[in-house]
Amino acid sequence: MVSACGGQQDDDVQNMTDRESYIIAKALYEFIRLEQWKPINERRLSDERDAKAILHARFDNELALLAQSDEAAGREPPDCEGSRR
């Protein structure tokens, strides 16, 4: 499967640099945070669930770092649990 953004295949995730993995994980993490700030009737629950599953499946290490960074800065991390594939 070819992605619309860069033409890379899903199988090429292992070939990502650490920086690329971090940026993608951060985008998913912030998307989840944004969705969780919305009233429940405005949230895109299936997209939020999928973002959580992708974070855990492909970016678990980055997710841990992002949550630790939030906690160290005195911010509440978004709830990224509950939707693992």
C-alpha atoms as a PDB file:
ATOM      1  CA  MET A   1       0.000   0.000   0.000  1.00  0.00           C
ATOM      2  CA  VAL A   2       1.393   3.405  -0.978  1.00  0.00           C
ATOM      3  CA  SER A   3       0.719   6.387   1.267  1.00  0.00           C
ATOM      4  CA  ALA A   4      -0.534   9.683  -0.110  1.00  0.00           C
ATOM      5  CA  CYS A   5       2.138  11.696   1.694  1.00  0.00           C
ATOM      6  CA  GLY A   6       5.436  10.253   0.631  1.00  0.00           C
ATOM      7  CA  GLY A   7       4.918   7.185  -1.475  1.00  0.00           C
ATOM      8  CA  GLN A   8       6.366   4.874   1.182  1.00  0.00           C
ATOM      9  CA  GLN A   9       4.828   1.513   1.878  1.00  0.00           C
ATOM     10  CA  ASP A  10       3.505   0.460   5.278  1.00  0.00           C
ATOM     11  CA  ASP A  11       6.288  -2.138   5.396  1.00  0.00           C
ATOM     12  CA  ASP A  12       8.869   0.650   5.413  1.00  0.00           C
ATOM     13  CA  VAL A  13       8.060   1.749   8.973  1.00  0.00           C
ATOM     14  CA  GLN A  14      11.234   0.015  10.153  1.00  0.00           C
ATOM     15  CA  ASN A  15      13.229   2.249   7.805  1.00  0.00           C
ATOM     16  CA  MET A  16      12.059   5.455   9.453  1.00  0.00           C
ATOM     17  CA  THR A  17      14.571   7.568  11.282  1.00  0.00           C
ATOM     18  CA  ASP A  18      14.101   8.156  14.996  1.00  0.00           C
ATOM     19  CA  ARG A  19      13.132  11.742  14.215  1.00  0.00           C
ATOM     20  CA  GLU A  20      10.493  10.664  11.686  1.00  0.00           C
ATOM     21  CA  SER A  21       9.022   8.203  14.185  1.00  0.00           C
ATOM     22  CA  TYR A  22       8.922  10.889  16.866  1.00  0.00           C
ATOM     23  CA  ILE A  23       7.198  13.442  14.596  1.00  0.00           C
ATOM     24  CA  ILE A  24       4.520  10.945  13.505  1.00  0.00           C
ATOM     25  CA  ALA A  25       3.957   9.777  17.097  1.00  0.00           C
ATOM     26  CA  LYS A  26       3.722  13.395  18.285  1.00  0.00           C
ATOM     27  CA  ALA A  27       1.137  14.215  15.610  1.00  0.00           C
ATOM     28  CA  LEU A  28      -1.006  11.221  16.610  1.00  0.00           C
ATOM     29  CA  TYR A  29      -0.592  12.056  20.313  1.00  0.00           C
ATOM     30  CA  GLU A  30      -1.652  15.677  19.815  1.00  0.00           C
ATOM     31  CA  PHE A  31      -4.583  14.567  17.635  1.00  0.00           C
ATOM     32  CA  ILE A  32      -5.779  12.355  20.498  1.00  0.00           C
ATOM     33  CA  ARG A  33      -5.363  15.243  22.954  1.00  0.00           C
ATOM     34  CA  LEU A  34      -7.368  17.561  20.685  1.00  0.00           C
ATOM     35  CA  GLU A  35     -10.176  15.046  20.242  1.00  0.00           C
ATOM     36  CA  GLN A  36     -10.385  14.463  24.003  1.00  0.00           C
ATOM     37  CA  TRP A  37     -10.805  18.204  24.649  1.00  0.00           C
ATOM     38  CA  LYS A  38     -13.932  18.257  22.481  1.00  0.00           C
ATOM     39  CA  PRO A  39     -17.426  17.526  23.769  1.00  0.00           C
ATOM     40  CA  ILE A  40     -18.232  13.852  23.220  1.00  0.00           C
ATOM     41  CA  ASN A  41     -20.771  14.590  20.479  1.00  0.00           C
ATOM     42  CA  GLU A  42     -18.084  16.439  18.458  1.00  0.00           C
ATOM     43  CA  ARG A  43     -15.339  13.840  18.830  1.00  0.00           C
ATOM     44  CA  ARG A  44     -14.302  11.566  15.985  1.00  0.00           C
ATOM     45  CA  LEU A  45     -14.237   8.470  18.156  1.00  0.00           C
ATOM     46  CA  SER A  46     -13.276   5.981  15.453  1.00  0.00           C
ATOM     47  CA  ASP A  47     -10.357   8.186  14.356  1.00  0.00           C
ATOM     48  CA  GLU A  48      -9.269   8.613  17.975  1.00  0.00           C
ATOM     49  CA  ARG A  49      -9.464   4.846  18.531  1.00  0.00           C
ATOM     50  CA  ASP A  50      -7.418   4.191  15.374  1.00  0.00           C
ATOM     51  CA  ALA A  51      -4.808   6.797  16.369  1.00  0.00           C
ATOM     52  CA  LYS A  52      -4.411   5.067  19.743  1.00  0.00           C
ATOM     53  CA  ALA A  53      -4.036   1.678  18.065  1.00  0.00           C
ATOM     54  CA  ILE A  54      -1.396   2.996  15.649  1.00  0.00           C
ATOM     55  CA  LEU A  55       0.540   4.635  18.501  1.00  0.00           C
ATOM     56  CA  HIS A  56       0.677   1.367  20.421  1.00  0.00           C
ATOM     57  CA  ALA A  57       1.376  -0.822  17.396  1.00  0.00           C
ATOM     58  CA  ARG A  58       4.148   1.257  15.857  1.00  0.00           C
ATOM     59  CA  PHE A  59       5.266   3.998  18.232  1.00  0.00           C
ATOM     60  CA  ASP A  60       5.009   2.613  21.787  1.00  0.00           C
ATOM     61  CA  ASN A  61       8.481   3.876  22.791  1.00  0.00           C
ATOM     62  CA  GLU A  62       7.751   7.371  21.498  1.00  0.00           C
ATOM     63  CA  LEU A  63       4.374   7.338  23.255  1.00  0.00           C
ATOM     64  CA  ALA A  64       6.083   6.648  26.580  1.00  0.00           C
ATOM     65  CA  LEU A  65       8.478   9.559  26.028  1.00  0.00           C
ATOM     66  CA  LEU A  66       5.657  11.937  25.095  1.00  0.00           C
ATOM     67  CA  ALA A  67       3.639  11.017  28.196  1.00  0.00           C
ATOM     68  CA  GLN A  68       6.727  11.418  30.421  1.00  0.00           C
ATOM     69  CA  SER A  69       7.418  14.819  28.868  1.00  0.00           C
ATOM     70  CA  ASP A  70       3.851  15.969  29.562  1.00  0.00           C
ATOM     71  CA  GLU A  71       4.056  14.782  33.161  1.00  0.00           C
ATOM     72  CA  ALA A  72       7.436  16.470  33.696  1.00  0.00           C
ATOM     73  CA  ALA A  73       5.958  19.732  32.391  1.00  0.00           C
ATOM     74  CA  GLY A  74       2.966  19.427  34.730  1.00  0.00           C
ATOM     75  CA  ARG A  75       0.505  18.633  31.920  1.00  0.00           C
ATOM     76  CA  GLU A  76      -1.996  15.802  31.993  1.00  0.00           C
ATOM     77  CA  PRO A  77      -1.223  13.369  29.155  1.00  0.00           C
ATOM     78  CA  PRO A  78      -4.170  12.403  26.960  1.00  0.00           C
ATOM     79  CA  ASP A  79      -5.750   9.021  27.600  1.00  0.00           C
ATOM     80  CA  CYS A  80      -3.995   6.819  25.044  1.00  0.00           C
ATOM     81  CA  GLU A  81      -5.068   3.499  26.559  1.00  0.00           C
ATOM     82  CA  GLY A  82      -7.826   1.141  25.638  1.00  0.00           C
ATOM     83  CA  SER A  83      -7.485   0.667  21.888  1.00  0.00           C
ATOM     84  CA  ARG A  84      -4.714  -1.733  21.040  1.00  0.00           C
ATOM     85  CA  ARG A  85      -4.796  -3.862  17.904  1.00  0.00           C
END
